[in-house]
Amino acid sequence: MAAEHYSQSVAAGVDFDVADYERVDFTKLNLDLPRYAPIRAAVRWHFGFEPKAFEVSAIADIIEGEKDVFVIAGTNSGKSLLYQAVPVVKESAICLVICPTLALMSDQVGILWPLQSQR
């Protein structure tokens, strides 16, 4: 699954509909823009790797605070960096994390349980 990053003006209503969000095409993102330099440097310094384009784009939108940010990405694609890097880059930032851990665990158990009988 490819990651998707959506953003919308904070002034928008509370009702969520992904159709109301602008899809960010980070495949064409110029990571050399000055807007992204502090984010890339902070991630390299604190975490020791170069962030992916969707991570840099989403973190920039979160830090600038003018848009709500909604990211869809698969397991192990780097979503955790979005909330871990924000306070590293901007100390006054607030980040709300919604994690469907129970649903994920239930799905994993549901997949693994039938495989147990094949042992």
Protein backbone atom coordinates (compact mmCIF):
# COMPACT_ATOMS: atom_id res chain seq x y z
CA MET A 1 0.00 0.00 0.00
CA ALA A 2 1.40 3.38 -0.96
CA ALA A 3 1.21 6.12 1.65
CA GLU A 4 -1.24 8.92 1.12
CA HIS A 5 -1.12 12.36 2.70
CA TYR A 6 -4.10 14.67 2.78
CA SER A 7 -4.39 18.15 4.21
CA GLN A 8 -7.19 20.64 4.67
CA SER A 9 -7.63 24.07 6.15
CA VAL A 10 -8.02 23.99 9.93
CA ALA A 11 -11.00 26.30 9.55
CA ALA A 12 -12.95 23.46 7.97
CA GLY A 13 -15.69 21.75 9.95
CA VAL A 14 -15.27 18.92 12.43
CA ASP A 15 -16.99 16.39 10.16
CA PHE A 16 -14.40 14.21 8.47
CA ASP A 17 -14.63 13.23 4.84
CA VAL A 18 -11.44 12.39 2.98
CA ALA A 19 -13.04 13.87 -0.15
CA ASP A 20 -12.82 17.30 1.53
CA TYR A 21 -9.05 16.98 1.83
CA GLU A 22 -6.50 17.98 -0.78
CA ARG A 23 -4.37 14.99 -1.78
CA VAL A 24 -0.67 15.83 -1.62
CA ASP A 25 1.38 14.37 -4.46
CA PHE A 26 4.68 13.83 -2.69
CA THR A 27 6.11 11.81 -5.57
CA LYS A 28 6.80 15.20 -7.20
CA LEU A 29 7.86 16.89 -3.97
CA ASN A 30 11.07 18.94 -4.08
CA LEU A 31 12.72 18.01 -0.77
CA ASP A 32 15.43 20.62 -1.36
CA LEU A 33 13.04 23.51 -0.63
CA PRO A 34 14.05 25.60 2.43
CA ARG A 35 10.71 24.72 4.06
CA TYR A 36 11.85 21.09 4.44
CA ALA A 37 15.51 21.62 5.45
CA PRO A 38 14.96 21.84 9.26
CA ILE A 39 12.76 18.73 9.22
CA ARG A 40 15.22 16.67 7.22
CA ALA A 41 18.14 17.82 9.40
CA ALA A 42 16.29 17.09 12.66
CA VAL A 43 15.27 13.60 11.54
CA ARG A 44 18.81 12.81 10.37
CA TRP A 45 20.28 14.13 13.64
CA HIS A 46 17.83 12.57 16.12
CA PHE A 47 16.82 9.38 14.32
CA GLY A 48 19.80 8.70 12.04
CA PHE A 49 18.09 8.29 8.67
CA GLU A 50 16.74 10.30 5.76
CA PRO A 51 12.94 10.74 6.03
CA LYS A 52 10.63 9.70 3.21
CA ALA A 53 8.92 12.36 1.11
CA PHE A 54 5.47 11.75 2.60
CA GLU A 55 6.91 12.05 6.12
CA VAL A 56 8.62 15.37 5.36
CA SER A 57 5.52 16.76 3.66
CA ALA A 58 3.15 15.73 6.46
CA ILE A 59 5.49 16.95 9.23
CA ALA A 60 5.82 20.32 7.47
CA ASP A 61 2.02 20.70 7.29
CA ILE A 62 1.67 19.70 10.96
CA ILE A 63 4.34 22.14 12.13
CA GLU A 64 3.03 25.05 10.08
CA GLY A 65 -0.30 24.50 11.82
CA GLU A 66 -2.45 25.91 9.07
CA LYS A 67 -3.87 22.56 8.01
CA ASP A 68 -5.21 19.40 9.58
CA VAL A 69 -3.22 16.42 8.36
CA PHE A 70 -4.52 12.93 7.61
CA VAL A 71 -2.07 10.23 6.52
CA ILE A 72 -2.94 6.75 5.28
CA ALA A 73 0.01 4.38 5.11
CA GLY A 74 0.61 0.68 5.50
CA THR A 75 2.17 -1.14 8.43
CA ASN A 76 5.88 -0.39 8.86
CA SER A 77 5.84 2.51 6.40
CA GLY A 78 7.00 5.24 8.79
CA LYS A 79 3.85 6.75 10.27
CA SER A 80 5.31 6.79 13.80
CA LEU A 81 7.89 9.35 12.72
CA LEU A 82 5.08 11.82 12.07
CA TYR A 83 4.31 12.21 15.75
CA GLN A 84 7.81 11.48 17.04
CA ALA A 85 9.55 14.13 14.92
CA VAL A 86 7.07 16.98 15.39
CA PRO A 87 8.14 17.89 18.96
CA VAL A 88 11.79 17.45 17.96
CA VAL A 89 11.40 20.03 15.19
CA LYS A 90 8.95 22.36 16.97
CA GLU A 91 8.77 22.15 20.76
CA SER A 92 5.41 23.94 21.05
CA ALA A 93 3.66 21.55 18.66
CA ILE A 94 0.76 19.37 19.78
CA CYS A 95 0.18 16.07 18.03
CA LEU A 96 -2.90 13.85 18.44
CA VAL A 97 -2.31 10.18 17.64
CA ILE A 98 -5.19 7.81 16.96
CA CYS A 99 -4.02 4.21 16.81
CA PRO A 100 -6.31 1.29 15.97
CA THR A 101 -4.08 -1.14 17.85
CA LEU A 102 -6.89 -3.41 19.05
CA ALA A 103 -8.30 -3.74 15.54
CA LEU A 104 -4.83 -4.47 14.17
CA MET A 105 -4.15 -7.11 16.83
CA SER A 106 -7.55 -8.70 16.18
CA ASP A 107 -6.84 -8.85 12.44
CA GLN A 108 -3.42 -10.40 13.04
CA VAL A 109 -4.80 -13.04 15.42
CA GLY A 110 -7.58 -13.80 12.93
CA ILE A 111 -4.99 -14.45 10.24
CA LEU A 112 -2.58 -16.43 12.42
CA TRP A 113 -5.13 -18.60 14.26
CA PRO A 114 -6.02 -20.77 11.22
CA LEU A 115 -2.32 -21.18 10.42
CA GLN A 116 -1.74 -22.79 13.83
CA SER A 117 -3.69 -25.89 12.80
CA GLN A 118 -1.36 -26.36 9.82
CA ARG A 119 1.66 -27.01 12.08
